[in-house]
């Protein structure tokens, strides 16, 4: 899948950054953390289509930005899929 740009519908999750400069490959950890913390149906679909469960679990297990609630959700969700 082409990850050159994030979908326009995700712009709201990155309100405090220069959305047009975000590269989902170069800034993968930041993008994944933000979308994992601010999950919407569109963000969830995009995350699962562009990052592997193993990649998301690494972010989940090492992130200092995710709350314990978010971390528990993602561990349960990713282990179940």
C-alpha atoms as a PDB file:
ATOM      1  CA  UNK A   1       0.000   0.000   0.000  1.00  0.00           C
ATOM      2  CA  UNK A   2       1.213   3.507  -0.741  1.00  0.00           C
ATOM      3  CA  UNK A   3       2.026   5.188   2.551  1.00  0.00           C
ATOM      4  CA  UNK A   4       3.450   8.356   1.027  1.00  0.00           C
ATOM      5  CA  UNK A   5       0.699  10.416   2.715  1.00  0.00           C
ATOM      6  CA  UNK A   6      -1.895  10.034   5.390  1.00  0.00           C
ATOM      7  CA  UNK A   7      -5.537  10.179   4.289  1.00  0.00           C
ATOM      8  CA  UNK A   8      -7.084  13.631   4.557  1.00  0.00           C
ATOM      9  CA  UNK A   9      -9.730  12.262   6.921  1.00  0.00           C
ATOM     10  CA  UNK A  10      -7.054  11.755   9.593  1.00  0.00           C
ATOM     11  CA  UNK A  11      -5.948  15.398   9.587  1.00  0.00           C
ATOM     12  CA  UNK A  12      -7.953  16.115  12.761  1.00  0.00           C
ATOM     13  CA  UNK A  13      -5.877  13.658  14.795  1.00  0.00           C
ATOM     14  CA  UNK A  14      -2.753  15.642  13.924  1.00  0.00           C
ATOM     15  CA  UNK A  15      -4.106  19.102  14.708  1.00  0.00           C
ATOM     16  CA  UNK A  16      -0.863  20.190  16.408  1.00  0.00           C
ATOM     17  CA  UNK A  17       1.558  19.099  13.674  1.00  0.00           C
ATOM     18  CA  UNK A  18       2.278  19.999  10.076  1.00  0.00           C
ATOM     19  CA  UNK A  19       0.035  17.328   8.582  1.00  0.00           C
ATOM     20  CA  UNK A  20       1.367  17.808   5.054  1.00  0.00           C
ATOM     21  CA  UNK A  21       4.919  17.038   6.210  1.00  0.00           C
ATOM     22  CA  UNK A  22       4.046  13.796   8.051  1.00  0.00           C
ATOM     23  CA  UNK A  23       5.470  10.707   6.405  1.00  0.00           C
ATOM     24  CA  UNK A  24       3.815   7.493   7.692  1.00  0.00           C
ATOM     25  CA  UNK A  25       7.006   5.535   7.045  1.00  0.00           C
ATOM     26  CA  UNK A  26       9.536   8.009   8.404  1.00  0.00           C
ATOM     27  CA  UNK A  27       7.329   9.008  11.353  1.00  0.00           C
ATOM     28  CA  UNK A  28       5.763   5.573  11.850  1.00  0.00           C
ATOM     29  CA  UNK A  29       6.037   5.492  15.636  1.00  0.00           C
ATOM     30  CA  UNK A  30       4.560   8.972  16.082  1.00  0.00           C
ATOM     31  CA  UNK A  31       1.733   8.286  13.629  1.00  0.00           C
ATOM     32  CA  UNK A  32       0.904   4.912  15.190  1.00  0.00           C
ATOM     33  CA  UNK A  33       0.962   6.308  18.744  1.00  0.00           C
ATOM     34  CA  UNK A  34      -1.292   9.205  17.834  1.00  0.00           C
ATOM     35  CA  UNK A  35      -3.806   7.053  15.991  1.00  0.00           C
ATOM     36  CA  UNK A  36      -3.746   4.370  18.673  1.00  0.00           C
ATOM     37  CA  UNK A  37      -4.502   7.019  21.290  1.00  0.00           C
ATOM     38  CA  UNK A  38      -7.158   8.805  19.209  1.00  0.00           C
ATOM     39  CA  UNK A  39      -8.806   5.868  17.497  1.00  0.00           C
ATOM     40  CA  UNK A  40     -11.728   6.406  15.172  1.00  0.00           C
ATOM     41  CA  UNK A  41     -13.163   3.811  12.787  1.00  0.00           C
ATOM     42  CA  UNK A  42     -11.203   5.396   9.918  1.00  0.00           C
ATOM     43  CA  UNK A  43      -7.984   5.524  11.968  1.00  0.00           C
ATOM     44  CA  UNK A  44      -8.412   1.888  12.990  1.00  0.00           C
ATOM     45  CA  UNK A  45      -8.892   0.753   9.388  1.00  0.00           C
ATOM     46  CA  UNK A  46      -5.880   2.776   8.238  1.00  0.00           C
ATOM     47  CA  UNK A  47      -3.642   1.502  11.062  1.00  0.00           C
ATOM     48  CA  UNK A  48      -4.463  -2.132  10.397  1.00  0.00           C
ATOM     49  CA  UNK A  49      -4.032  -1.720   6.644  1.00  0.00           C
ATOM     50  CA  UNK A  50      -0.643  -0.001   6.911  1.00  0.00           C
ATOM     51  CA  UNK A  51       1.135  -1.459   9.938  1.00  0.00           C
ATOM     52  CA  UNK A  52       1.429  -5.081  11.007  1.00  0.00           C
ATOM     53  CA  UNK A  53       0.064  -6.303  14.317  1.00  0.00           C
ATOM     54  CA  UNK A  54       3.667  -6.968  15.391  1.00  0.00           C
ATOM     55  CA  UNK A  55       4.650  -3.347  14.637  1.00  0.00           C
ATOM     56  CA  UNK A  56       1.660  -2.016  16.553  1.00  0.00           C
ATOM     57  CA  UNK A  57       2.400  -4.284  19.519  1.00  0.00           C
ATOM     58  CA  UNK A  58       5.963  -2.945  19.688  1.00  0.00           C
ATOM     59  CA  UNK A  59       4.589   0.601  19.781  1.00  0.00           C
ATOM     60  CA  UNK A  60       1.995  -0.433  22.347  1.00  0.00           C
ATOM     61  CA  UNK A  61       4.533  -2.085  24.634  1.00  0.00           C
ATOM     62  CA  UNK A  62       7.141   0.673  24.462  1.00  0.00           C
ATOM     63  CA  UNK A  63       5.111   3.866  24.162  1.00  0.00           C
ATOM     64  CA  UNK A  64       5.123   6.389  26.974  1.00  0.00           C
ATOM     65  CA  UNK A  65       2.345   8.357  25.302  1.00  0.00           C
ATOM     66  CA  UNK A  66      -0.378   5.704  25.423  1.00  0.00           C
ATOM     67  CA  UNK A  67      -2.492   5.563  28.553  1.00  0.00           C
ATOM     68  CA  UNK A  68      -2.803   2.265  30.395  1.00  0.00           C
ATOM     69  CA  UNK A  69      -6.383   2.066  29.105  1.00  0.00           C
ATOM     70  CA  UNK A  70      -5.254   2.485  25.481  1.00  0.00           C
ATOM     71  CA  UNK A  71      -2.388   0.044  25.997  1.00  0.00           C
ATOM     72  CA  UNK A  72      -4.748  -2.605  27.443  1.00  0.00           C
ATOM     73  CA  UNK A  73      -7.224  -2.136  24.593  1.00  0.00           C
ATOM     74  CA  UNK A  74      -4.549  -2.555  21.927  1.00  0.00           C
ATOM     75  CA  UNK A  75      -2.957  -5.569  23.608  1.00  0.00           C
ATOM     76  CA  UNK A  76      -6.346  -7.293  23.755  1.00  0.00           C
ATOM     77  CA  UNK A  77      -7.313  -6.239  20.229  1.00  0.00           C
ATOM     78  CA  UNK A  78      -4.035  -7.197  18.587  1.00  0.00           C
ATOM     79  CA  UNK A  79      -3.632 -10.485  20.416  1.00  0.00           C
ATOM     80  CA  UNK A  80      -7.150 -11.443  19.378  1.00  0.00           C
ATOM     81  CA  UNK A  81      -6.614 -10.660  15.691  1.00  0.00           C
END
